[in-house]
Amino acid sequence: MKQLPIRWKIMILSYAVVIFSLLIGGIVIVANIQQTEERDLRLRSMNTARTVAGVSDIKNAIQQPNGWEIVDPVVDEIRIINESDYIVVMNMDKIRFSHPVKEKIGTSSTGEDEEPAFAEHIYSSKAKGEIGTVIRTFVPIKDADLNQIGVVVVGNRVPGVIDIMAGLSKEIGLIVVLTLLFGLAGSVLLANHIKKQMFQLEPFEIKRMHEERTATFHSMNEGVIAIDNEEIITIFNEKAKKIFNVTGQLVGQPIRFVLKDTRLPEIVEKDKAVYNEEIKVSGKVIVSTRIPIHKDDELIGAVAIFQDRTEVAKLAEELTGVKNFVEALRVQSHEHMNKLHTIAGLIQLGKPEKALQLAHNAAEEQESVTSFLNEKIKNDAVAGLLLSKIKRGKELGIEVEVDPNSHLAAFPNELDQHDFVVLLGNLIENAFGAFEELEIDLKNIDISIEQSAGMCAILVEDNGSGILPEHLPKLYDKGFTVNKAEGTGYGLYLVKQIVDKGRGDIQVSTQLGEGTSFMITFPIDKEDGVNAS
């Protein structure tokens, strides 16, 4: 059987709520009206009974034989005037002098609830009789000397629910019609509004989308965490749980309670995205992109997509190592080919001694540089990078020299070989770029890595073209580059990120036409420093 659309379900439900509310409200109103009627009847009955008890003709007549012939007509007239259902007058012998049933006049009453009235008590009671529920009021009759000579009983029927509704039939009809009309209109508007809020989707469609979205988030290889603008977690996928070693149902919990240092609430506070930032969360170093979420120009939360930096670092190191290895092989192959051509030419010219000397010098030079780097730089990746840059410089006609006093035994706090490769590689490549449009005879790049007990200092300087003063404030901005053809604008940005990560300091000194130097210093604590080997 085909299900009703959600719009019709909402209309039927809201309409049923309106009718149910109308029914409950009607019951309450009728009950209040009935209580009010009872209070009015008690008061009216009391006033009527006092009136009858105060009539002198009635006082005189009930003390005489056959006095009912006088009493009953007078009582009937008072009953009609006061709209009472019945009035009974009795003397002290409980003989009725008036009664709605004329045959009972002159007979004795046997009612038990009348006894207090014959003891000069005034009271009211509610009892069920032949005409329905009745409010009865008892008032003693006293003579001029205040001696009790009889009792007046006034009865008024309490109107039932049907009587009350019959009396308010026009009002009830109008209320019902208006309520149903407005209820119908309201249910239609409510159904359309809810349907719009649900993007015109049926519940089963929303359920399917939710299941698909949940499965997608949990199958992603990146960690995903989302919060609303109250910092409550709305998404926390399985990869994120695995990275941060947390378990259980986290959706609905405050993000600061689960992870104290995600820096995701900052995005909600500042309403500004951060891309590919390396941060430390719960002891894990991750690469994170954090973006605010907007709906109809209103900030409703933020989402973070991240990876454990361990995996990213391994991949980056592999890519960087392969790139450096390929570059070193290419330069070395080119250099050796040139030397082989030279040696071959010398042999053909009949000068084998010079050819042998050239080969011997080339071998000594290669061995000297390699031995120096292996001795001073204890990390193979950094040593390989410097060797490749030295050979690359020779190919470009640039003398790349590493200070003989250089030494690297441990990495600064929070940094590793990948960070050092990125930092040195970008600084040296920038120095290469400083000679692109510069025609000078001697092109030099000097590199120094010095390390002491509490500090690591890196210096990369060149005698290239220098940096324009107006470029200095934007030097570390992401995407800023002077070389529009080949530059990406990420080199010095990454350098600055690594410096900040290691709590270091970077100083740049430049002079147009004379060159640029970058001095970077990092603190090293013996306990936190990472062995470079």
Protein backbone atom coordinates (compact mmCIF):
# COMPACT_ATOMS: atom_id res chain seq x y z
CA MET A 1 0.00 0.00 0.00
CA LYS A 2 1.37 3.36 -1.03
CA GLN A 3 2.16 5.67 1.87
CA LEU A 4 0.57 9.10 2.17
CA PRO A 5 2.90 12.01 1.32
CA ILE A 6 4.40 13.75 4.34
CA ARG A 7 2.40 16.91 3.58
CA TRP A 8 -0.91 15.05 4.01
CA LYS A 9 0.32 13.29 7.13
CA ILE A 10 1.26 16.62 8.72
CA MET A 11 -2.10 18.15 7.76
CA ILE A 12 -4.05 15.22 9.21
CA LEU A 13 -1.98 15.18 12.39
CA SER A 14 -2.20 18.94 12.93
CA TYR A 15 -5.94 18.90 12.19
CA ALA A 16 -6.42 16.07 14.68
CA VAL A 17 -4.48 18.08 17.27
CA VAL A 18 -6.77 21.07 16.65
CA ILE A 19 -9.92 18.96 17.07
CA PHE A 20 -8.56 17.25 20.17
CA SER A 21 -7.59 20.62 21.66
CA LEU A 22 -11.06 21.96 20.85
CA LEU A 23 -12.65 18.95 22.58
CA ILE A 24 -10.49 19.30 25.71
CA GLY A 25 -11.09 23.04 25.78
CA GLY A 26 -14.84 22.50 25.46
CA ILE A 27 -14.88 20.03 28.34
CA VAL A 28 -12.96 22.45 30.55
CA ILE A 29 -15.23 25.36 29.63
CA VAL A 30 -18.42 23.36 30.23
CA ALA A 31 -17.09 22.17 33.61
CA ASN A 32 -16.30 25.76 34.60
CA ILE A 33 -19.74 26.93 33.49
CA GLN A 34 -21.34 24.13 35.53
CA GLN A 35 -19.35 25.12 38.64
CA THR A 36 -20.36 28.74 38.16
CA GLU A 37 -24.00 27.75 37.78
CA GLU A 38 -23.82 25.76 41.01
CA ARG A 39 -22.45 28.75 42.91
CA ASP A 40 -25.16 30.98 41.47
CA LEU A 41 -27.90 28.45 42.32
CA ARG A 42 -26.68 28.13 45.92
CA LEU A 43 -26.78 31.89 46.34
CA ARG A 44 -30.18 32.22 44.64
CA SER A 45 -31.64 29.33 46.63
CA MET A 46 -30.39 30.87 49.87
CA ASN A 47 -31.93 34.24 49.04
CA THR A 48 -35.24 32.64 48.05
CA ALA A 49 -35.37 30.52 51.21
CA ARG A 50 -34.67 33.55 53.41
CA THR A 51 -37.39 35.47 51.59
CA VAL A 52 -39.95 32.69 52.20
CA ALA A 53 -38.89 32.32 55.84
CA GLY A 54 -39.44 36.03 56.39
CA VAL A 55 -43.04 36.26 55.03
CA SER A 56 -45.39 36.94 57.99
CA ASP A 57 -48.40 35.23 56.35
CA ILE A 58 -46.40 32.03 56.07
CA LYS A 59 -45.23 32.30 59.71
CA ASN A 60 -48.78 32.65 60.93
CA ALA A 61 -50.27 30.00 58.63
CA ILE A 62 -47.92 27.14 59.49
CA GLN A 63 -49.05 27.37 63.11
CA GLN A 64 -52.70 26.84 62.12
CA PRO A 65 -54.57 23.70 61.04
CA ASN A 66 -54.97 23.61 57.22
CA GLY A 67 -52.62 26.57 57.00
CA TRP A 68 -51.30 25.22 53.72
CA GLU A 69 -54.28 26.72 51.98
CA ILE A 70 -52.68 30.09 52.66
CA VAL A 71 -49.04 29.06 52.44
CA ASP A 72 -49.01 27.13 49.16
CA PRO A 73 -50.36 29.94 46.88
CA VAL A 74 -47.92 32.44 48.39
CA VAL A 75 -44.99 30.03 47.99
CA ASP A 76 -45.94 29.29 44.36
CA GLU A 77 -45.89 32.96 43.54
CA ILE A 78 -42.45 33.39 45.14
CA ARG A 79 -41.19 30.25 43.36
CA ILE A 80 -42.25 31.58 39.97
CA ILE A 81 -40.74 35.00 40.63
CA ASN A 82 -37.38 33.53 41.75
CA GLU A 83 -37.39 30.77 39.09
CA SER A 84 -36.95 28.01 41.64
CA ASP A 85 -37.77 24.41 40.75
CA TYR A 86 -39.56 23.76 43.99
CA ILE A 87 -40.11 25.19 47.49
CA VAL A 88 -41.20 23.07 50.45
CA VAL A 89 -42.43 24.62 53.70
CA MET A 90 -42.77 22.42 56.81
CA ASN A 91 -43.76 23.02 60.41
CA MET A 92 -41.90 21.52 63.37
CA ASP A 93 -43.90 18.29 62.99
CA LYS A 94 -42.48 17.96 59.45
CA ILE A 95 -45.94 18.49 57.95
CA ARG A 96 -45.66 19.88 54.41
CA PHE A 97 -47.49 23.19 53.87
CA SER A 98 -46.22 23.55 50.29
CA HIS A 99 -44.84 21.04 47.78
CA PRO A 100 -44.49 20.79 44.01
CA VAL A 101 -46.57 17.59 44.17
CA LYS A 102 -49.88 18.82 45.52
CA GLU A 103 -50.92 15.39 46.78
CA LYS A 104 -48.08 15.52 49.31
CA ILE A 105 -49.28 18.75 50.93
CA GLY A 106 -50.48 18.02 54.48
CA THR A 107 -48.37 14.87 54.67
CA SER A 108 -45.32 14.26 56.84
CA SER A 109 -41.77 14.34 55.39
CA THR A 110 -39.37 11.52 56.13
CA GLY A 111 -36.11 13.01 54.70
CA GLU A 112 -33.03 12.38 56.82
CA ASP A 113 -31.02 15.36 55.53
CA GLU A 114 -33.61 17.76 56.94
CA GLU A 115 -32.79 17.06 60.57
CA PRO A 116 -30.09 19.76 61.03
CA ALA A 117 -32.56 22.36 59.69
CA PHE A 118 -34.99 21.58 62.53
CA ALA A 119 -32.12 22.38 64.89
CA GLU A 120 -31.87 25.96 63.57
CA HIS A 121 -29.04 25.22 61.07
CA ILE A 122 -28.79 26.95 57.72
CA TYR A 123 -27.06 24.95 54.98
CA SER A 124 -27.08 23.76 51.37
CA SER A 125 -26.62 20.31 49.90
CA LYS A 126 -26.48 18.66 46.47
CA ALA A 127 -28.53 15.56 45.86
CA LYS A 128 -29.92 13.54 42.97
CA GLY A 129 -33.67 13.42 42.63
CA GLU A 130 -36.36 12.69 40.10
CA ILE A 131 -35.62 15.88 38.14
CA GLY A 132 -31.85 15.40 38.24
CA THR A 133 -29.09 16.83 40.42
CA VAL A 134 -30.53 19.52 42.68
CA ILE A 135 -29.03 22.21 44.93
CA ARG A 136 -31.18 22.32 48.09
CA THR A 137 -31.00 25.07 50.68
CA PHE A 138 -32.47 24.69 54.21
CA VAL A 139 -33.46 27.76 56.25
CA PRO A 140 -35.34 27.69 59.61
CA ILE A 141 -38.55 29.74 60.05
CA LYS A 142 -38.72 31.70 63.35
CA ASP A 143 -41.50 33.67 64.99
CA ALA A 144 -41.24 37.14 66.47
CA ASP A 145 -39.65 35.71 69.62
CA LEU A 146 -37.01 33.93 67.49
CA ASN A 147 -38.43 30.54 68.31
CA GLN A 148 -38.22 28.07 65.42
CA ILE A 149 -41.64 27.22 64.02
CA GLY A 150 -40.72 25.51 60.76
CA VAL A 151 -38.29 24.95 57.86
CA VAL A 152 -38.06 26.17 54.24
CA VAL A 153 -36.44 23.97 51.61
CA VAL A 154 -35.68 25.56 48.21
CA GLY A 155 -34.52 23.31 45.35
CA ASN A 156 -32.94 24.31 42.04
CA ARG A 157 -31.87 21.78 39.42
CA VAL A 158 -28.25 21.96 38.31
CA PRO A 159 -28.09 22.14 34.48
CA GLY A 160 -26.31 19.17 32.85
CA VAL A 161 -23.73 19.25 30.06
CA ILE A 162 -26.41 18.91 27.40
CA ASP A 163 -28.41 21.76 28.94
CA ILE A 164 -25.36 24.03 28.99
CA MET A 165 -24.42 23.17 25.40
CA ALA A 166 -27.99 23.70 24.28
CA GLY A 167 -27.95 27.13 25.87
CA LEU A 168 -24.70 27.96 24.07
CA SER A 169 -25.53 26.25 20.77
CA LYS A 170 -25.03 29.36 18.64
CA GLU A 171 -21.75 30.32 20.30
CA ILE A 172 -20.45 26.73 20.19
CA GLY A 173 -21.41 26.39 16.53
CA LEU A 174 -19.59 29.61 15.63
CA ILE A 175 -16.48 28.60 17.61
CA VAL A 176 -16.41 25.13 16.02
CA VAL A 177 -16.73 26.50 12.49
CA LEU A 178 -14.06 29.18 13.01
CA THR A 179 -11.73 26.73 14.77
CA LEU A 180 -12.03 24.14 12.02
CA LEU A 181 -11.50 26.74 9.29
CA PHE A 182 -8.45 28.29 10.96
CA GLY A 183 -7.20 24.83 11.94
CA LEU A 184 -7.42 23.69 8.33
CA ALA A 185 -5.63 26.80 7.08
CA GLY A 186 -2.98 26.49 9.79
CA SER A 187 -2.40 22.81 9.09
CA VAL A 188 -1.93 23.53 5.38
CA LEU A 189 0.56 26.33 6.11
CA LEU A 190 2.40 24.20 8.66
CA ALA A 191 2.59 21.24 6.29
CA ASN A 192 3.94 23.41 3.47
CA HIS A 193 6.48 25.07 5.78
CA ILE A 194 7.76 21.75 7.13
CA LYS A 195 7.90 20.33 3.61
CA LYS A 196 9.94 23.34 2.50
CA GLN A 197 12.29 22.96 5.47
CA MET A 198 12.76 19.33 4.44
CA PHE A 199 13.76 20.44 0.90
CA GLN A 200 10.56 18.88 -0.52
CA LEU A 201 11.81 15.44 0.51
CA GLU A 202 9.85 12.58 2.01
CA PRO A 203 11.03 11.01 5.32
CA PHE A 204 12.25 7.82 3.61
CA GLU A 205 14.32 9.97 1.23
CA ILE A 206 15.85 11.91 4.13
CA LYS A 207 16.56 8.61 5.91
CA ARG A 208 18.31 7.23 2.83
CA MET A 209 20.35 10.43 2.38
CA HIS A 210 21.35 10.37 6.04
CA GLU A 211 22.46 6.74 5.80
CA GLU A 212 24.41 7.43 2.60
CA ARG A 213 26.05 10.53 4.07
CA THR A 214 26.99 8.68 7.27
CA ALA A 215 28.44 5.76 5.32
CA THR A 216 30.40 8.16 3.10
CA PHE A 217 31.89 10.07 6.02
CA HIS A 218 32.89 6.90 7.84
CA SER A 219 34.51 5.38 4.75
CA MET A 220 36.69 8.41 4.04
CA ASN A 221 40.44 8.11 4.53
CA GLU A 222 40.51 11.62 6.03
CA GLY A 223 39.29 12.52 9.48
CA VAL A 224 36.15 14.66 9.44
CA ILE A 225 34.80 16.58 12.45
CA ALA A 226 31.93 19.07 12.25
CA ILE A 227 30.36 21.23 14.95
CA ASP A 228 27.43 23.63 15.08
CA ASN A 229 27.63 27.24 16.22
CA GLU A 230 27.16 26.06 19.83
CA GLU A 231 30.35 23.95 19.53
CA ILE A 232 28.35 20.70 19.68
CA ILE A 233 29.69 17.82 17.56
CA THR A 234 27.48 16.95 14.57
CA ILE A 235 29.95 14.70 12.69
CA PHE A 236 32.86 12.63 14.00
CA ASN A 237 33.77 9.91 11.51
CA GLU A 238 35.56 6.64 12.17
CA LYS A 239 38.88 7.85 10.75
CA ALA A 240 38.87 10.79 13.18
CA LYS A 241 38.14 8.40 16.08
CA LYS A 242 41.03 6.21 15.00
CA ILE A 243 43.46 9.15 14.72
CA PHE A 244 42.61 10.50 18.17
CA ASN A 245 42.02 7.11 19.84
CA VAL A 246 38.49 7.91 21.01
CA THR A 247 35.43 5.65 21.01
CA GLY A 248 31.73 5.76 21.67
CA GLN A 249 28.92 8.03 20.54
CA LEU A 250 30.45 11.49 20.23
CA VAL A 251 27.76 13.27 18.22
CA GLY A 252 25.90 15.68 20.50
CA GLN A 253 28.81 16.23 22.89
CA PRO A 254 30.73 19.53 23.23
CA ILE A 255 33.90 19.47 21.11
CA ARG A 256 35.99 20.96 23.93
CA PHE A 257 34.98 18.04 26.16
CA VAL A 258 36.12 15.43 23.62
CA LEU A 259 39.20 17.24 22.20
CA LYS A 260 40.48 20.28 24.05
CA ASP A 261 42.81 21.64 21.36
CA THR A 262 41.20 21.06 17.94
CA ARG A 263 41.12 24.80 17.19
CA LEU A 264 37.85 24.15 15.39
CA PRO A 265 35.88 26.51 17.70
CA GLU A 266 38.20 29.30 16.50
CA ILE A 267 36.64 28.99 13.05
CA VAL A 268 33.16 29.56 14.54
CA GLU A 269 34.43 32.55 16.51
CA LYS A 270 36.37 34.19 13.66
CA ASP A 271 34.28 32.95 10.70
CA LYS A 272 37.45 32.52 8.64
CA ALA A 273 38.72 29.41 6.83
CA VAL A 274 42.20 27.95 7.36
CA TYR A 275 43.68 25.65 4.71
CA ASN A 276 46.38 22.98 5.01
CA GLU A 277 47.67 24.12 8.40
CA GLU A 278 49.85 21.84 10.44
CA ILE A 279 48.71 21.78 14.07
CA LYS A 280 49.15 19.59 17.12
CA VAL A 281 46.00 18.05 18.61
CA SER A 282 46.02 15.63 21.55
CA GLY A 283 49.67 14.85 20.92
CA LYS A 284 49.07 14.19 17.21
CA VAL A 285 50.58 16.37 14.52
CA ILE A 286 47.98 16.72 11.78
CA VAL A 287 47.49 18.68 8.57
CA SER A 288 44.11 20.35 8.88
CA THR A 289 41.74 22.34 6.70
CA ARG A 290 39.04 24.07 8.74
CA ILE A 291 36.13 25.82 7.02
CA PRO A 292 33.09 27.70 8.41
CA ILE A 293 29.66 26.43 7.31
CA HIS A 294 27.05 28.96 6.17
CA LYS A 295 23.37 28.64 5.33
CA ASP A 296 21.56 31.64 3.86
CA ASP A 297 24.51 33.87 4.82
CA GLU A 298 24.24 32.71 8.45
CA LEU A 299 27.08 30.90 10.22
CA ILE A 300 25.77 27.55 11.44
CA GLY A 301 29.00 25.73 12.31
CA ALA A 302 32.40 24.59 11.08
CA VAL A 303 34.00 21.46 9.62
CA ALA A 304 37.57 20.17 9.83
CA ILE A 305 39.09 17.75 7.33
CA PHE A 306 42.50 16.41 8.30
CA GLN A 307 45.07 13.68 8.02
CA ASP A 308 47.53 12.29 10.48
CA ARG A 309 50.78 14.04 9.60
CA THR A 310 52.70 10.79 10.09
CA GLU A 311 51.22 9.35 6.91
CA VAL A 312 51.50 12.64 5.02
CA ALA A 313 55.10 13.09 6.16
CA LYS A 314 56.06 9.60 4.98
CA LEU A 315 54.55 10.27 1.57
CA ALA A 316 56.19 13.70 1.36
CA GLU A 317 59.55 12.26 2.37
CA GLU A 318 59.26 9.59 -0.29
CA LEU A 319 58.32 12.13 -2.95
CA THR A 320 61.01 14.59 -1.83
CA GLY A 321 63.63 11.84 -1.68
CA VAL A 322 62.75 10.58 -5.15
CA LYS A 323 62.78 14.12 -6.55
CA ASN A 324 66.16 14.89 -5.00
CA PHE A 325 67.55 11.56 -6.13
CA VAL A 326 66.34 12.07 -9.71
CA GLU A 327 67.65 15.64 -9.78
CA ALA A 328 71.03 14.55 -8.38
CA LEU A 329 71.30 11.74 -10.94
CA ARG A 330 70.37 14.08 -13.77
CA VAL A 331 72.94 16.69 -12.77
CA GLN A 332 75.58 14.06 -12.06
CA SER A 333 74.92 12.36 -15.40
CA HIS A 334 75.21 15.66 -17.24
CA GLU A 335 78.43 16.57 -15.39
CA HIS A 336 80.02 13.16 -15.96
CA MET A 337 79.05 13.21 -19.63
CA ASN A 338 80.83 16.54 -20.07
CA LYS A 339 83.91 15.23 -18.28
CA LEU A 340 83.91 12.03 -20.34
CA HIS A 341 83.74 14.05 -23.52
CA THR A 342 86.69 16.15 -22.29
CA ILE A 343 88.74 13.07 -21.32
CA ALA A 344 87.94 11.44 -24.67
CA GLY A 345 89.08 14.58 -26.48
CA LEU A 346 92.37 14.74 -24.55
CA ILE A 347 93.09 11.09 -25.36
CA GLN A 348 92.39 11.69 -29.04
CA LEU A 349 94.77 14.65 -28.94
CA GLY A 350 97.45 12.34 -27.59
CA LYS A 351 97.47 13.79 -24.09
CA PRO A 352 96.64 10.82 -21.85
CA GLU A 353 98.44 12.31 -18.86
CA LYS A 354 96.11 15.32 -18.79
CA ALA A 355 93.09 13.06 -19.31
CA LEU A 356 94.18 10.94 -16.33
CA GLN A 357 94.76 14.04 -14.21
CA LEU A 358 91.30 15.38 -15.05
CA ALA A 359 89.66 12.07 -14.06
CA HIS A 360 91.71 11.98 -10.86
CA ASN A 361 90.70 15.57 -9.93
CA ALA A 362 87.01 14.88 -10.62
CA ALA A 363 87.11 11.81 -8.38
CA GLU A 364 88.89 13.72 -5.60
CA GLU A 365 86.40 16.60 -5.77
CA GLN A 366 83.41 14.26 -5.64
CA GLU A 367 84.87 12.30 -2.75
CA SER A 368 85.79 15.49 -0.85
CA VAL A 369 82.28 16.95 -1.03
CA THR A 370 80.62 13.64 -0.20
CA SER A 371 82.93 12.95 2.75
CA PHE A 372 82.44 16.46 4.10
CA LEU A 373 78.64 16.21 3.99
CA ASN A 374 78.61 12.72 5.50
CA GLU A 375 80.84 13.88 8.35
CA LYS A 376 79.13 17.18 9.16
CA ILE A 377 75.47 16.48 8.28
CA LYS A 378 74.22 13.45 10.20
CA ASN A 379 70.97 13.12 8.25
CA ASP A 380 71.15 11.43 4.84
CA ALA A 381 68.11 13.25 3.41
CA VAL A 382 69.53 16.70 4.27
CA ALA A 383 73.03 15.72 3.08
CA GLY A 384 71.59 14.38 -0.17
CA LEU A 385 69.63 17.61 -0.66
CA LEU A 386 72.75 19.76 -0.21
CA LEU A 387 74.76 17.55 -2.57
CA SER A 388 72.08 17.80 -5.26
CA LYS A 389 71.89 21.60 -4.87
CA ILE A 390 75.69 21.92 -5.14
CA LYS A 391 75.65 19.98 -8.41
CA ARG A 392 72.57 21.87 -9.60
CA GLY A 393 74.43 25.13 -8.95
CA LYS A 394 77.36 23.99 -11.08
CA GLU A 395 74.99 23.30 -13.93
CA LEU A 396 73.54 26.81 -13.61
CA GLY A 397 76.94 28.43 -13.22
CA ILE A 398 76.36 29.22 -9.56
CA GLU A 399 78.90 28.36 -6.87
CA VAL A 400 77.04 26.73 -3.96
CA GLU A 401 79.25 26.47 -0.89
CA VAL A 402 78.53 24.89 2.48
CA ASP A 403 80.39 26.49 5.38
CA PRO A 404 83.14 24.09 6.57
CA ASN A 405 82.05 24.75 10.18
CA SER A 406 78.51 23.57 9.47
CA HIS A 407 77.17 20.82 11.69
CA LEU A 408 73.79 19.12 12.11
CA ALA A 409 73.36 16.40 14.72
CA ALA A 410 69.79 16.90 15.96
CA PHE A 411 66.64 18.55 14.67
CA PRO A 412 65.01 21.43 16.57
CA ASN A 413 61.94 20.87 18.70
CA GLU A 414 58.84 19.66 16.84
CA LEU A 415 60.76 19.38 13.52
CA ASP A 416 62.00 16.39 11.52
CA GLN A 417 64.00 15.68 8.38
CA HIS A 418 61.03 16.42 6.13
CA ASP A 419 60.72 19.92 7.61
CA PHE A 420 64.46 20.55 7.13
CA VAL A 421 64.40 19.31 3.53
CA VAL A 422 61.44 21.58 2.70
CA LEU A 423 62.99 24.56 4.52
CA LEU A 424 66.50 24.31 3.00
CA GLY A 425 65.21 23.28 -0.42
CA ASN A 426 62.92 26.30 -0.73
CA LEU A 427 65.52 28.78 0.55
CA ILE A 428 68.15 27.50 -1.91
CA GLU A 429 65.67 27.44 -4.82
CA ASN A 430 64.75 31.05 -4.02
CA ALA A 431 68.45 31.90 -4.09
CA PHE A 432 68.77 30.24 -7.52
CA GLY A 433 65.88 32.38 -8.69
CA ALA A 434 67.69 35.53 -7.63
CA PHE A 435 70.17 35.01 -10.53
CA GLU A 436 67.66 34.36 -13.30
CA GLU A 437 67.76 37.82 -14.85
CA LEU A 438 71.11 38.89 -13.45
CA GLU A 439 74.29 39.01 -15.54
CA ILE A 440 77.35 38.88 -13.25
CA ASP A 441 80.58 36.92 -13.43
CA LEU A 442 80.57 35.39 -9.94
CA LYS A 443 77.32 33.90 -8.67
CA ASN A 444 77.55 32.59 -5.11
CA ILE A 445 75.19 30.94 -2.66
CA ASP A 446 76.57 30.37 0.82
CA ILE A 447 74.93 27.89 3.19
CA SER A 448 75.66 27.54 6.88
CA ILE A 449 74.12 25.21 9.46
CA GLU A 450 75.44 25.76 12.96
CA GLN A 451 74.34 23.99 16.08
CA SER A 452 75.06 24.47 19.76
CA ALA A 453 73.65 23.10 22.99
CA GLY A 454 70.59 25.35 22.94
CA MET A 455 70.25 26.65 19.40
CA CYS A 456 70.30 25.71 15.71
CA ALA A 457 71.02 28.48 13.15
CA ILE A 458 70.60 28.27 9.38
CA LEU A 459 71.96 30.88 6.98
CA VAL A 460 71.32 30.98 3.23
CA GLU A 461 72.68 34.01 1.41
CA ASP A 462 73.29 34.95 -2.20
CA ASN A 463 74.71 37.84 -4.18
CA GLY A 464 71.73 37.96 -6.50
CA SER A 465 69.26 40.66 -7.46
CA GLY A 466 67.78 41.29 -3.97
CA ILE A 467 64.16 41.89 -2.97
CA LEU A 468 62.13 45.01 -3.70
CA PRO A 469 61.12 46.88 -0.51
CA GLU A 470 57.41 46.76 -1.43
CA HIS A 471 57.61 42.96 -1.62
CA LEU A 472 58.96 42.47 1.90
CA PRO A 473 55.59 42.75 3.78
CA LYS A 474 54.07 40.07 1.52
CA LEU A 475 57.10 37.79 1.43
CA TYR A 476 55.53 34.95 3.46
CA ASP A 477 51.96 35.26 2.15
CA LYS A 478 50.51 32.14 0.57
CA GLY A 479 50.45 32.47 -3.22
CA PHE A 480 52.76 35.49 -3.40
CA THR A 481 55.53 35.09 -5.97
CA VAL A 482 57.76 37.38 -8.00
CA ASN A 483 58.36 34.73 -10.66
CA LYS A 484 54.90 34.62 -12.27
CA ALA A 485 55.94 32.05 -14.91
CA GLU A 486 57.20 29.24 -12.65
CA GLY A 487 56.68 30.34 -9.03
CA THR A 488 53.86 28.86 -6.97
CA GLY A 489 53.96 31.30 -4.08
CA TYR A 490 54.21 28.43 -1.57
CA GLY A 491 57.99 28.30 -0.98
CA LEU A 492 58.53 30.99 1.64
CA TYR A 493 55.01 30.40 2.99
CA LEU A 494 56.01 26.83 3.86
CA VAL A 495 59.32 28.07 5.27
CA LYS A 496 57.46 30.45 7.61
CA GLN A 497 55.07 27.66 8.66
CA ILE A 498 58.01 25.42 9.60
CA VAL A 499 59.74 28.25 11.48
CA ASP A 500 56.57 28.92 13.49
CA LYS A 501 56.11 25.22 14.14
CA GLY A 502 59.62 24.97 15.59
CA ARG A 503 59.10 28.20 17.63
CA GLY A 504 61.97 29.74 15.66
CA ASP A 505 62.77 33.18 14.31
CA ILE A 506 63.45 34.28 10.73
CA GLN A 507 65.35 37.40 9.70
CA VAL A 508 65.78 38.60 6.13
CA SER A 509 68.38 41.09 4.98
CA THR A 510 68.40 42.29 1.37
CA GLN A 511 69.94 44.96 -0.84
CA LEU A 512 68.90 45.52 -4.44
CA GLY A 513 71.64 44.40 -6.82
CA GLU A 514 73.77 43.01 -4.01
CA GLY A 515 71.90 40.01 -2.67
CA THR A 516 69.73 38.55 0.10
CA SER A 517 70.35 36.55 3.24
CA PHE A 518 67.91 34.52 5.33
CA MET A 519 68.90 33.80 8.94
CA ILE A 520 66.76 31.30 10.81
CA THR A 521 67.28 30.30 14.44
CA PHE A 522 65.57 27.53 16.41
CA PRO A 523 65.76 26.68 20.11
CA ILE A 524 66.89 23.14 20.91
CA ASP A 525 66.25 21.48 24.24
CA LYS A 526 68.27 18.39 24.97
CA GLU A 527 65.15 16.57 26.09
CA ASP A 528 63.07 17.53 23.04
CA GLY A 529 65.68 17.63 20.26
CA VAL A 530 65.32 14.83 17.67
CA ASN A 531 68.46 12.95 16.65
CA ALA A 532 69.15 13.66 12.96
CA SER A 533 70.80 10.35 12.14
